[in-house]
Amino acid sequence: MSDPVSSREASREERRARQRSAARASILDAARSVAARDGARNLSLRAVAAEAGFAPAALYGYFTGKDELLLALAADDLSALSRAMREAGAGEGKLAAAAAAALALLRGNETFAAAQGALPSRSGTSEAERLFNGRMIAALKVLADATGQKADSRENQCDVVLVAAALAGLALLARSGRLAALGFTPEEILGRLDAHFSS
């Protein structure tokens, strides 16, 4: 027989966990709205709290500060990036298609650039940082699959990191208009990337 007190307590704990998860999701949605309106670099906890309908101090129960909130947003964006690359890279020309999908998302996303400043100079153990790192590794695995290479050697892993770095840099150049000023198109660069790294 189960103890009625224990099952009630377990039910309360589940309810609290669901409420906490829903509140955290609400805060992230509000942060995404504020970032879209004001820019991710200008994100303020006060504006996010107002958008979410929370007291500013209440956000600290979910995030230790702006940096942790930016990392959580970027982690969500990394999941979207992985999905887009996986879906695009399902057919022929996997790397070119996955890279084009990644570039399309990266060009319009300010959160990654803002999150770069939020990452500590030394790897830490915060929940937000662990989540970000895990999602980054998942995105790199999708990219490895798109190259057609197994990420089973240091050399192949290095190639995947090079592709990811090239995509991030290409997105920055394209977004700022510098790529066009240099006389290149994203498609031209993606074609070269595909030629060098697809197996």
N, C-alpha and C. Protein backbone atom coordinates (compact mmCIF):
# COMPACT_ATOMS: atom_id res chain seq x y z
N MET A 1 0.83 -1.19 0.00
CA MET A 1 0.00 0.00 0.00
C MET A 1 0.87 1.24 0.00
N SER A 2 0.38 2.22 -0.66
CA SER A 2 1.14 3.46 -0.68
C SER A 2 0.68 4.37 0.44
N ASP A 3 1.59 5.13 0.92
CA ASP A 3 1.33 6.07 2.00
C ASP A 3 0.64 7.30 1.40
N PRO A 4 -0.59 7.64 1.87
CA PRO A 4 -1.31 8.78 1.30
C PRO A 4 -0.56 10.10 1.48
N VAL A 5 0.17 10.24 2.57
CA VAL A 5 0.92 11.47 2.81
C VAL A 5 2.05 11.59 1.79
N SER A 6 2.75 10.49 1.54
CA SER A 6 3.85 10.49 0.57
C SER A 6 3.35 10.78 -0.83
N SER A 7 2.23 10.21 -1.21
CA SER A 7 1.72 10.45 -2.57
C SER A 7 1.22 11.89 -2.72
N ARG A 8 0.64 12.46 -1.66
CA ARG A 8 0.22 13.87 -1.72
C ARG A 8 1.44 14.77 -1.86
N GLU A 9 2.49 14.46 -1.09
CA GLU A 9 3.73 15.25 -1.16
C GLU A 9 4.35 15.14 -2.54
N ALA A 10 4.38 13.94 -3.10
CA ALA A 10 4.92 13.74 -4.45
C ALA A 10 4.10 14.52 -5.47
N SER A 11 2.80 14.53 -5.29
CA SER A 11 1.92 15.26 -6.20
C SER A 11 2.19 16.77 -6.11
N ARG A 12 2.38 17.25 -4.89
CA ARG A 12 2.71 18.68 -4.70
C ARG A 12 4.05 19.03 -5.35
N GLU A 13 5.02 18.15 -5.17
CA GLU A 13 6.35 18.38 -5.77
C GLU A 13 6.25 18.42 -7.30
N GLU A 14 5.48 17.52 -7.88
CA GLU A 14 5.30 17.51 -9.34
C GLU A 14 4.61 18.80 -9.79
N ARG A 15 3.60 19.22 -9.06
CA ARG A 15 2.88 20.45 -9.40
C ARG A 15 3.82 21.65 -9.32
N ARG A 16 4.64 21.72 -8.26
CA ARG A 16 5.61 22.82 -8.12
C ARG A 16 6.62 22.81 -9.26
N ALA A 17 7.08 21.63 -9.62
CA ALA A 17 8.05 21.52 -10.72
C ALA A 17 7.43 21.99 -12.04
N ARG A 18 6.18 21.62 -12.29
CA ARG A 18 5.48 22.07 -13.51
C ARG A 18 5.29 23.58 -13.50
N GLN A 19 4.93 24.13 -12.34
CA GLN A 19 4.73 25.58 -12.22
C GLN A 19 6.05 26.31 -12.43
N ARG A 20 7.11 25.79 -11.86
CA ARG A 20 8.44 26.40 -12.02
C ARG A 20 8.86 26.36 -13.49
N SER A 21 8.65 25.24 -14.12
CA SER A 21 9.00 25.09 -15.52
C SER A 21 8.19 26.05 -16.40
N ALA A 22 6.90 26.18 -16.11
CA ALA A 22 6.04 27.09 -16.87
C ALA A 22 6.46 28.54 -16.65
N ALA A 23 6.82 28.90 -15.42
CA ALA A 23 7.26 30.27 -15.13
C ALA A 23 8.58 30.56 -15.84
N ARG A 24 9.49 29.59 -15.84
CA ARG A 24 10.78 29.77 -16.52
C ARG A 24 10.55 29.94 -18.02
N ALA A 25 9.67 29.14 -18.60
CA ALA A 25 9.35 29.26 -20.02
C ALA A 25 8.73 30.63 -20.32
N SER A 26 7.89 31.11 -19.43
CA SER A 26 7.27 32.43 -19.60
C SER A 26 8.33 33.54 -19.58
N ILE A 27 9.30 33.40 -18.69
CA ILE A 27 10.38 34.38 -18.60
C ILE A 27 11.22 34.35 -19.88
N LEU A 28 11.52 33.15 -20.38
CA LEU A 28 12.29 33.05 -21.62
C LEU A 28 11.53 33.63 -22.80
N ASP A 29 10.22 33.39 -22.86
CA ASP A 29 9.41 33.98 -23.93
C ASP A 29 9.44 35.51 -23.85
N ALA A 30 9.32 36.02 -22.64
CA ALA A 30 9.37 37.47 -22.45
C ALA A 30 10.74 38.01 -22.84
N ALA A 31 11.80 37.30 -22.46
CA ALA A 31 13.15 37.73 -22.81
C ALA A 31 13.34 37.74 -24.33
N ARG A 32 12.78 36.76 -25.01
CA ARG A 32 12.89 36.71 -26.47
C ARG A 32 12.16 37.90 -27.08
N SER A 33 11.00 38.25 -26.54
CA SER A 33 10.25 39.42 -27.04
C SER A 33 11.03 40.71 -26.81
N VAL A 34 11.59 40.86 -25.63
CA VAL A 34 12.37 42.06 -25.31
C VAL A 34 13.61 42.13 -26.21
N ALA A 35 14.28 40.99 -26.40
CA ALA A 35 15.47 40.96 -27.25
C ALA A 35 15.12 41.33 -28.69
N ALA A 36 13.98 40.86 -29.17
CA ALA A 36 13.56 41.19 -30.54
C ALA A 36 13.25 42.69 -30.66
N ARG A 37 12.67 43.24 -29.63
CA ARG A 37 12.29 44.66 -29.65
C ARG A 37 13.48 45.59 -29.42
N ASP A 38 14.29 45.27 -28.39
CA ASP A 38 15.36 46.18 -27.96
C ASP A 38 16.75 45.74 -28.39
N GLY A 39 16.87 44.50 -28.86
CA GLY A 39 18.17 43.93 -29.17
C GLY A 39 18.67 43.11 -28.00
N ALA A 40 19.27 41.94 -28.29
CA ALA A 40 19.72 41.04 -27.22
C ALA A 40 20.80 41.68 -26.37
N ARG A 41 21.64 42.50 -26.97
CA ARG A 41 22.71 43.15 -26.21
C ARG A 41 22.15 44.16 -25.20
N ASN A 42 20.96 44.67 -25.48
CA ASN A 42 20.34 45.67 -24.60
C ASN A 42 19.31 45.06 -23.65
N LEU A 43 19.29 43.76 -23.58
CA LEU A 43 18.35 43.07 -22.72
C LEU A 43 18.55 43.50 -21.26
N SER A 44 17.47 43.83 -20.59
CA SER A 44 17.57 44.15 -19.17
C SER A 44 16.58 43.27 -18.41
N LEU A 45 16.99 42.87 -17.22
CA LEU A 45 16.11 42.03 -16.40
C LEU A 45 14.83 42.79 -16.04
N ARG A 46 14.93 44.07 -15.84
CA ARG A 46 13.75 44.87 -15.50
C ARG A 46 12.73 44.82 -16.64
N ALA A 47 13.20 44.97 -17.90
CA ALA A 47 12.30 44.92 -19.05
C ALA A 47 11.70 43.53 -19.22
N VAL A 48 12.51 42.50 -18.99
CA VAL A 48 12.02 41.12 -19.10
C VAL A 48 10.96 40.86 -18.03
N ALA A 49 11.23 41.30 -16.81
CA ALA A 49 10.26 41.11 -15.72
C ALA A 49 8.95 41.80 -16.04
N ALA A 50 9.02 43.03 -16.54
CA ALA A 50 7.80 43.76 -16.89
C ALA A 50 7.03 43.03 -17.99
N GLU A 51 7.74 42.54 -18.99
CA GLU A 51 7.11 41.82 -20.11
C GLU A 51 6.45 40.52 -19.62
N ALA A 52 7.09 39.85 -18.67
CA ALA A 52 6.59 38.56 -18.17
C ALA A 52 5.54 38.73 -17.07
N GLY A 53 5.41 39.95 -16.53
CA GLY A 53 4.46 40.17 -15.45
C GLY A 53 4.99 39.73 -14.10
N PHE A 54 6.29 39.78 -13.92
CA PHE A 54 6.94 39.40 -12.66
C PHE A 54 7.54 40.65 -12.02
N ALA A 55 7.75 40.58 -10.74
CA ALA A 55 8.55 41.60 -10.06
C ALA A 55 10.00 41.35 -10.47
N PRO A 56 10.79 42.41 -10.68
CA PRO A 56 12.17 42.20 -11.11
C PRO A 56 12.96 41.23 -10.23
N ALA A 57 12.79 41.31 -8.93
CA ALA A 57 13.53 40.43 -8.03
C ALA A 57 13.13 38.96 -8.20
N ALA A 58 11.93 38.71 -8.69
CA ALA A 58 11.46 37.33 -8.85
C ALA A 58 12.26 36.58 -9.91
N LEU A 59 12.81 37.29 -10.88
CA LEU A 59 13.59 36.63 -11.93
C LEU A 59 14.82 35.94 -11.37
N TYR A 60 15.35 36.48 -10.26
CA TYR A 60 16.54 35.88 -9.67
C TYR A 60 16.28 34.50 -9.08
N GLY A 61 15.04 34.13 -8.91
CA GLY A 61 14.72 32.77 -8.49
C GLY A 61 14.86 31.77 -9.62
N TYR A 62 14.99 32.27 -10.86
CA TYR A 62 15.09 31.41 -12.04
C TYR A 62 16.43 31.55 -12.76
N PHE A 63 17.00 32.75 -12.71
CA PHE A 63 18.26 33.05 -13.38
C PHE A 63 19.10 33.92 -12.45
N THR A 64 20.40 33.66 -12.41
CA THR A 64 21.26 34.44 -11.50
C THR A 64 21.50 35.85 -12.00
N GLY A 65 21.20 36.10 -13.26
CA GLY A 65 21.39 37.43 -13.81
C GLY A 65 21.21 37.42 -15.32
N LYS A 66 21.53 38.53 -15.93
CA LYS A 66 21.36 38.71 -17.37
C LYS A 66 22.17 37.70 -18.17
N ASP A 67 23.41 37.45 -17.76
CA ASP A 67 24.25 36.51 -18.49
C ASP A 67 23.63 35.12 -18.55
N GLU A 68 23.12 34.65 -17.43
CA GLU A 68 22.50 33.33 -17.40
C GLU A 68 21.24 33.29 -18.27
N LEU A 69 20.49 34.36 -18.28
CA LEU A 69 19.30 34.45 -19.12
C LEU A 69 19.69 34.43 -20.60
N LEU A 70 20.73 35.17 -20.97
CA LEU A 70 21.21 35.16 -22.36
C LEU A 70 21.69 33.77 -22.77
N LEU A 71 22.39 33.07 -21.88
CA LEU A 71 22.84 31.71 -22.19
C LEU A 71 21.66 30.77 -22.39
N ALA A 72 20.61 30.93 -21.60
CA ALA A 72 19.41 30.10 -21.75
C ALA A 72 18.74 30.36 -23.10
N LEU A 73 18.67 31.63 -23.49
CA LEU A 73 18.10 31.96 -24.81
C LEU A 73 18.95 31.36 -25.93
N ALA A 74 20.25 31.49 -25.81
CA ALA A 74 21.15 30.95 -26.83
C ALA A 74 21.07 29.43 -26.89
N ALA A 75 20.89 28.78 -25.73
CA ALA A 75 20.74 27.32 -25.72
C ALA A 75 19.49 26.91 -26.49
N ASP A 76 18.39 27.64 -26.28
CA ASP A 76 17.17 27.36 -27.05
C ASP A 76 17.41 27.56 -28.54
N ASP A 77 18.15 28.62 -28.88
CA ASP A 77 18.46 28.89 -30.29
C ASP A 77 19.35 27.80 -30.88
N LEU A 78 20.25 27.24 -30.08
CA LEU A 78 21.08 26.13 -30.57
C LEU A 78 20.22 24.90 -30.89
N SER A 79 19.18 24.67 -30.10
CA SER A 79 18.27 23.56 -30.40
C SER A 79 17.56 23.79 -31.73
N ALA A 80 17.11 25.03 -31.97
CA ALA A 80 16.46 25.36 -33.24
C ALA A 80 17.45 25.23 -34.39
N LEU A 81 18.68 25.62 -34.16
CA LEU A 81 19.73 25.50 -35.19
C LEU A 81 19.97 24.03 -35.53
N SER A 82 20.06 23.18 -34.53
CA SER A 82 20.26 21.75 -34.76
C SER A 82 19.11 21.16 -35.56
N ARG A 83 17.88 21.50 -35.18
CA ARG A 83 16.70 21.00 -35.91
C ARG A 83 16.73 21.44 -37.37
N ALA A 84 17.01 22.72 -37.59
CA ALA A 84 17.03 23.25 -38.96
C ALA A 84 18.10 22.57 -39.80
N MET A 85 19.28 22.37 -39.24
CA MET A 85 20.35 21.71 -39.99
C MET A 85 20.01 20.24 -40.26
N ARG A 86 19.43 19.57 -39.26
CA ARG A 86 19.07 18.16 -39.43
C ARG A 86 18.03 18.00 -40.53
N GLU A 87 17.01 18.86 -40.52
CA GLU A 87 15.96 18.78 -41.52
C GLU A 87 16.49 19.13 -42.91
N ALA A 88 17.31 20.15 -43.01
CA ALA A 88 17.84 20.58 -44.31
C ALA A 88 18.84 19.59 -44.87
N GLY A 89 19.60 18.95 -44.00
CA GLY A 89 20.65 18.04 -44.44
C GLY A 89 20.20 16.61 -44.62
N ALA A 90 18.91 16.40 -44.79
CA ALA A 90 18.39 15.03 -44.92
C ALA A 90 18.60 14.44 -46.32
N GLY A 91 18.77 15.27 -47.34
CA GLY A 91 18.89 14.76 -48.71
C GLY A 91 20.31 14.84 -49.25
N GLU A 92 20.42 15.03 -50.57
CA GLU A 92 21.71 15.18 -51.23
C GLU A 92 22.34 16.51 -50.83
N GLY A 93 23.64 16.60 -50.95
CA GLY A 93 24.33 17.85 -50.61
C GLY A 93 24.10 18.23 -49.17
N LYS A 94 24.27 17.25 -48.29
CA LYS A 94 23.94 17.45 -46.87
C LYS A 94 24.61 18.68 -46.26
N LEU A 95 25.92 18.80 -46.43
CA LEU A 95 26.62 19.89 -45.78
C LEU A 95 26.18 21.24 -46.33
N ALA A 96 26.07 21.34 -47.65
CA ALA A 96 25.67 22.62 -48.25
C ALA A 96 24.29 23.03 -47.75
N ALA A 97 23.36 22.07 -47.69
CA ALA A 97 22.00 22.37 -47.24
C ALA A 97 21.97 22.71 -45.76
N ALA A 98 22.68 21.92 -44.95
CA ALA A 98 22.70 22.18 -43.50
C ALA A 98 23.38 23.51 -43.21
N ALA A 99 24.47 23.81 -43.93
CA ALA A 99 25.18 25.07 -43.73
C ALA A 99 24.32 26.26 -44.14
N ALA A 100 23.57 26.12 -45.24
CA ALA A 100 22.69 27.20 -45.68
C ALA A 100 21.60 27.46 -44.65
N ALA A 101 21.04 26.38 -44.08
CA ALA A 101 20.01 26.53 -43.04
C ALA A 101 20.60 27.19 -41.81
N ALA A 102 21.80 26.79 -41.43
CA ALA A 102 22.46 27.39 -40.27
C ALA A 102 22.72 28.87 -40.52
N LEU A 103 23.21 29.18 -41.70
CA LEU A 103 23.51 30.58 -42.02
C LEU A 103 22.26 31.44 -41.99
N ALA A 104 21.16 30.92 -42.51
CA ALA A 104 19.90 31.67 -42.49
C ALA A 104 19.49 32.02 -41.07
N LEU A 105 19.64 31.07 -40.15
CA LEU A 105 19.29 31.33 -38.74
C LEU A 105 20.31 32.26 -38.08
N LEU A 106 21.57 32.01 -38.32
CA LEU A 106 22.61 32.80 -37.66
C LEU A 106 22.62 34.26 -38.09
N ARG A 107 22.31 34.50 -39.35
CA ARG A 107 22.33 35.88 -39.85
C ARG A 107 21.30 36.75 -39.15
N GLY A 108 20.17 36.16 -38.78
CA GLY A 108 19.11 36.94 -38.16
C GLY A 108 19.08 36.83 -36.64
N ASN A 109 20.12 36.26 -36.05
CA ASN A 109 20.08 35.99 -34.62
C ASN A 109 21.16 36.78 -33.89
N GLU A 110 20.72 37.66 -33.02
CA GLU A 110 21.65 38.46 -32.22
C GLU A 110 21.97 37.79 -30.89
N THR A 111 21.19 36.80 -30.53
CA THR A 111 21.36 36.16 -29.23
C THR A 111 22.71 35.48 -29.10
N PHE A 112 23.17 34.82 -30.17
CA PHE A 112 24.47 34.13 -30.09
C PHE A 112 25.59 35.12 -29.82
N ALA A 113 25.57 36.25 -30.51
CA ALA A 113 26.61 37.26 -30.29
C ALA A 113 26.56 37.79 -28.87
N ALA A 114 25.36 38.04 -28.38
CA ALA A 114 25.22 38.54 -27.01
C ALA A 114 25.63 37.48 -26.00
N ALA A 115 25.32 36.22 -26.29
CA ALA A 115 25.68 35.14 -25.36
C ALA A 115 27.18 34.94 -25.29
N GLN A 116 27.87 35.25 -26.37
CA GLN A 116 29.33 35.12 -26.35
C GLN A 116 29.92 35.96 -25.23
N GLY A 117 29.39 37.16 -25.05
CA GLY A 117 29.86 38.02 -23.96
C GLY A 117 29.40 37.52 -22.60
N ALA A 118 28.37 36.67 -22.58
CA ALA A 118 27.84 36.15 -21.32
C ALA A 118 28.60 34.92 -20.84
N LEU A 119 29.33 34.28 -21.75
CA LEU A 119 30.08 33.09 -21.35
C LEU A 119 31.26 33.51 -20.48
N PRO A 120 31.46 32.83 -19.36
CA PRO A 120 32.59 33.18 -18.51
C PRO A 120 33.91 32.82 -19.20
N SER A 121 34.97 33.51 -18.85
CA SER A 121 36.27 33.24 -19.47
C SER A 121 36.79 31.86 -19.09
N ARG A 122 36.33 31.36 -17.96
CA ARG A 122 36.67 30.00 -17.53
C ARG A 122 35.40 29.19 -17.49
N SER A 123 35.50 27.97 -17.97
CA SER A 123 34.33 27.10 -17.97
C SER A 123 33.89 26.84 -16.54
N GLY A 124 32.62 27.06 -16.30
CA GLY A 124 32.07 26.89 -14.96
C GLY A 124 31.08 25.74 -14.91
N THR A 125 30.27 25.76 -13.91
CA THR A 125 29.35 24.65 -13.72
C THR A 125 27.91 25.12 -13.53
N SER A 126 27.59 26.32 -13.97
CA SER A 126 26.21 26.76 -13.79
C SER A 126 25.30 25.93 -14.68
N GLU A 127 24.07 25.81 -14.27
CA GLU A 127 23.10 25.04 -15.05
C GLU A 127 22.94 25.62 -16.46
N ALA A 128 22.90 26.94 -16.57
CA ALA A 128 22.74 27.58 -17.89
C ALA A 128 23.94 27.28 -18.78
N GLU A 129 25.12 27.31 -18.22
CA GLU A 129 26.32 27.03 -19.01
C GLU A 129 26.37 25.57 -19.44
N ARG A 130 26.02 24.66 -18.55
CA ARG A 130 25.98 23.23 -18.91
C ARG A 130 24.97 22.98 -20.02
N LEU A 131 23.80 23.63 -19.92
CA LEU A 131 22.77 23.48 -20.95
C LEU A 131 23.28 24.02 -22.28
N PHE A 132 23.89 25.20 -22.26
CA PHE A 132 24.44 25.80 -23.48
C PHE A 132 25.49 24.87 -24.10
N ASN A 133 26.42 24.38 -23.28
CA ASN A 133 27.48 23.49 -23.78
C ASN A 133 26.90 22.22 -24.37
N GLY A 134 25.92 21.65 -23.71
CA GLY A 134 25.30 20.42 -24.23
C GLY A 134 24.62 20.65 -25.57
N ARG A 135 23.93 21.75 -25.68
CA ARG A 135 23.24 22.05 -26.95
C ARG A 135 24.24 22.40 -28.05
N MET A 136 25.36 23.01 -27.68
CA MET A 136 26.40 23.31 -28.67
C MET A 136 27.01 22.01 -29.19
N ILE A 137 27.25 21.07 -28.30
CA ILE A 137 27.79 19.77 -28.71
C ILE A 137 26.80 19.05 -29.62
N ALA A 138 25.51 19.13 -29.31
CA ALA A 138 24.49 18.51 -30.15
C ALA A 138 24.49 19.13 -31.55
N ALA A 139 24.63 20.46 -31.63
CA ALA A 139 24.68 21.13 -32.93
C ALA A 139 25.92 20.71 -33.71
N LEU A 140 27.04 20.55 -33.02
CA LEU A 140 28.27 20.10 -33.69
C LEU A 140 28.12 18.67 -34.20
N LYS A 141 27.38 17.83 -33.48
CA LYS A 141 27.15 16.45 -33.94
C LYS A 141 26.30 16.44 -35.21
N VAL A 142 25.29 17.31 -35.27
CA VAL A 142 24.47 17.42 -36.48
C VAL A 142 25.34 17.88 -37.64
N LEU A 143 26.20 18.84 -37.38
CA LEU A 143 27.11 19.34 -38.41
C LEU A 143 28.07 18.24 -38.85
N ALA A 144 28.55 17.44 -37.92
CA ALA A 144 29.44 16.32 -38.26
C ALA A 144 28.71 15.33 -39.18
N ASP A 145 27.45 15.04 -38.86
CA ASP A 145 26.66 14.15 -39.71
C ASP A 145 26.52 14.73 -41.11
N ALA A 146 26.35 16.04 -41.20
CA ALA A 146 26.18 16.70 -42.49
C ALA A 146 27.45 16.63 -43.34
N THR A 147 28.62 16.59 -42.69
CA THR A 147 29.86 16.48 -43.46
C THR A 147 30.05 15.07 -44.00
N GLY A 148 29.32 14.13 -43.44
CA GLY A 148 29.47 12.73 -43.85
C GLY A 148 30.65 12.05 -43.19
N GLN A 149 31.30 12.73 -42.27
CA GLN A 149 32.43 12.15 -41.56
C GLN A 149 32.00 11.75 -40.16
N LYS A 150 32.59 10.70 -39.70
CA LYS A 150 32.36 10.32 -38.30
C LYS A 150 33.27 11.19 -37.44
N ALA A 151 32.75 11.66 -36.34
CA ALA A 151 33.55 12.49 -35.43
C ALA A 151 34.30 11.59 -34.46
N ASP A 152 34.96 10.57 -35.03
CA ASP A 152 35.64 9.58 -34.21
C ASP A 152 37.14 9.82 -34.06
N SER A 153 37.64 10.84 -34.73
CA SER A 153 39.06 11.16 -34.59
C SER A 153 39.20 12.64 -34.26
N ARG A 154 40.31 12.96 -33.68
CA ARG A 154 40.59 14.37 -33.34
C ARG A 154 40.59 15.22 -34.60
N GLU A 155 41.12 14.70 -35.70
CA GLU A 155 41.18 15.43 -36.96
C GLU A 155 39.78 15.73 -37.49
N ASN A 156 38.90 14.74 -37.48
CA ASN A 156 37.53 14.96 -37.94
C ASN A 156 36.77 15.92 -37.03
N GLN A 157 36.99 15.81 -35.73
CA GLN A 157 36.35 16.74 -34.79
C GLN A 157 36.84 18.16 -35.04
N CYS A 158 38.12 18.30 -35.33
CA CYS A 158 38.69 19.61 -35.64
C CYS A 158 38.04 20.18 -36.90
N ASP A 159 37.81 19.34 -37.91
CA ASP A 159 37.15 19.79 -39.14
C ASP A 159 35.74 20.32 -38.85
N VAL A 160 35.02 19.65 -37.97
CA VAL A 160 33.66 20.08 -37.64
C VAL A 160 33.70 21.44 -36.93
N VAL A 161 34.66 21.61 -36.04
CA VAL A 161 34.79 22.90 -35.35
C VAL A 161 35.17 23.99 -36.37
N LEU A 162 36.01 23.66 -37.33
CA LEU A 162 36.36 24.63 -38.38
C LEU A 162 35.14 25.03 -39.20
N VAL A 163 34.30 24.06 -39.54
CA VAL A 163 33.08 24.37 -40.30
C VAL A 163 32.17 25.27 -39.46
N ALA A 164 32.01 24.94 -38.19
CA ALA A 164 31.15 25.75 -37.32
C ALA A 164 31.70 27.17 -37.19
N ALA A 165 33.01 27.29 -37.02
CA ALA A 165 33.62 28.61 -36.91
C ALA A 165 33.47 29.39 -38.22
N ALA A 166 33.61 28.70 -39.34
CA ALA A 166 33.43 29.36 -40.64
C ALA A 166 32.00 29.86 -40.79
N LEU A 167 31.04 29.05 -40.38
CA LEU A 167 29.63 29.48 -40.47
C LEU A 167 29.35 30.68 -39.58
N ALA A 168 29.89 30.66 -38.36
CA ALA A 168 29.69 31.79 -37.45
C ALA A 168 30.31 33.06 -38.02
N GLY A 169 31.52 32.95 -38.54
CA GLY A 169 32.18 34.11 -39.14
C GLY A 169 31.47 34.59 -40.40
N LEU A 170 31.00 33.65 -41.21
CA LEU A 170 30.27 34.00 -42.43
C LEU A 170 28.98 34.73 -42.08
N ALA A 171 28.30 34.26 -41.05
CA ALA A 171 27.06 34.93 -40.62
C ALA A 171 27.35 36.36 -40.18
N LEU A 172 28.42 36.55 -39.45
CA LEU A 172 28.81 37.89 -38.99
C LEU A 172 29.11 38.80 -40.19
N LEU A 173 29.89 38.30 -41.14
CA LEU A 173 30.24 39.09 -42.32
C LEU A 173 29.01 39.40 -43.17
N ALA A 174 28.14 38.41 -43.35
CA ALA A 174 26.94 38.62 -44.17
C ALA A 174 25.98 39.58 -43.49
N ARG A 175 25.80 39.42 -42.19
CA ARG A 175 24.86 40.25 -41.44
C ARG A 175 25.28 41.72 -41.41
N SER A 176 26.57 41.94 -41.37
CA SER A 176 27.07 43.31 -41.28
C SER A 176 27.28 43.96 -42.65
N GLY A 177 27.06 43.20 -43.73
CA GLY A 177 27.26 43.73 -45.07
C GLY A 177 28.71 43.67 -45.53
N ARG A 178 29.60 43.16 -44.70
CA ARG A 178 31.03 43.10 -45.04
C ARG A 178 31.31 42.07 -46.12
N LEU A 179 30.53 40.98 -46.16
CA LEU A 179 30.75 39.95 -47.17
C LEU A 179 30.50 40.51 -48.57
N ALA A 180 29.41 41.23 -48.72
CA ALA A 180 29.10 41.86 -50.01
C ALA A 180 30.16 42.91 -50.35
N ALA A 181 30.61 43.64 -49.35
CA ALA A 181 31.64 44.66 -49.59
C ALA A 181 32.94 44.02 -50.07
N LEU A 182 33.18 42.79 -49.66
CA LEU A 182 34.37 42.06 -50.11
C LEU A 182 34.17 41.44 -51.50
N GLY A 183 32.92 41.48 -51.98
CA GLY A 183 32.62 40.95 -53.31
C GLY A 183 32.25 39.48 -53.35
N PHE A 184 31.82 38.94 -52.20
CA PHE A 184 31.44 37.53 -52.15
C PHE A 184 29.96 37.39 -51.82
N THR A 185 29.39 36.26 -52.20
CA THR A 185 28.03 35.92 -51.80
C THR A 185 28.10 34.78 -50.80
N PRO A 186 27.12 34.66 -49.94
CA PRO A 186 27.11 33.53 -49.01
C PRO A 186 27.13 32.19 -49.75
N GLU A 187 26.41 32.10 -50.86
CA GLU A 187 26.34 30.85 -51.61
C GLU A 187 27.72 30.43 -52.13
N GLU A 188 28.50 31.41 -52.57
CA GLU A 188 29.85 31.12 -53.06
C GLU A 188 30.72 30.54 -51.95
N ILE A 189 30.66 31.16 -50.79
CA ILE A 189 31.47 30.69 -49.66
C ILE A 189 30.97 29.33 -49.19
N LEU A 190 29.65 29.14 -49.13
CA LEU A 190 29.10 27.84 -48.71
C LEU A 190 29.51 26.74 -49.68
N GLY A 191 29.56 27.06 -50.96
CA GLY A 191 30.01 26.09 -51.96
C GLY A 191 31.44 25.65 -51.71
N ARG A 192 32.31 26.62 -51.39
CA ARG A 192 33.71 26.29 -51.08
C ARG A 192 33.81 25.46 -49.81
N LEU A 193 33.01 25.82 -48.84
CA LEU A 193 32.99 25.07 -47.57
C LEU A 193 32.60 23.62 -47.83
N ASP A 194 31.56 23.44 -48.64
CA ASP A 194 31.09 22.10 -48.98
C ASP A 194 32.18 21.33 -49.72
N ALA A 195 32.85 21.99 -50.67
CA ALA A 195 33.90 21.32 -51.45
C ALA A 195 35.06 20.87 -50.56
N HIS A 196 35.37 21.65 -49.54
CA HIS A 196 36.51 21.31 -48.68
C HIS A 196 36.18 20.27 -47.61
N PHE A 197 34.97 20.26 -47.12
CA PHE A 197 34.69 19.45 -45.94
C PHE A 197 33.71 18.30 -46.12
N SER A 198 33.02 18.21 -47.26
CA SER A 198 32.11 17.08 -47.47
C SER A 198 32.92 15.85 -47.87
N SER A 199 32.46 14.71 -47.38
CA SER A 199 33.16 13.47 -47.77
C SER A 199 32.39 12.77 -48.86
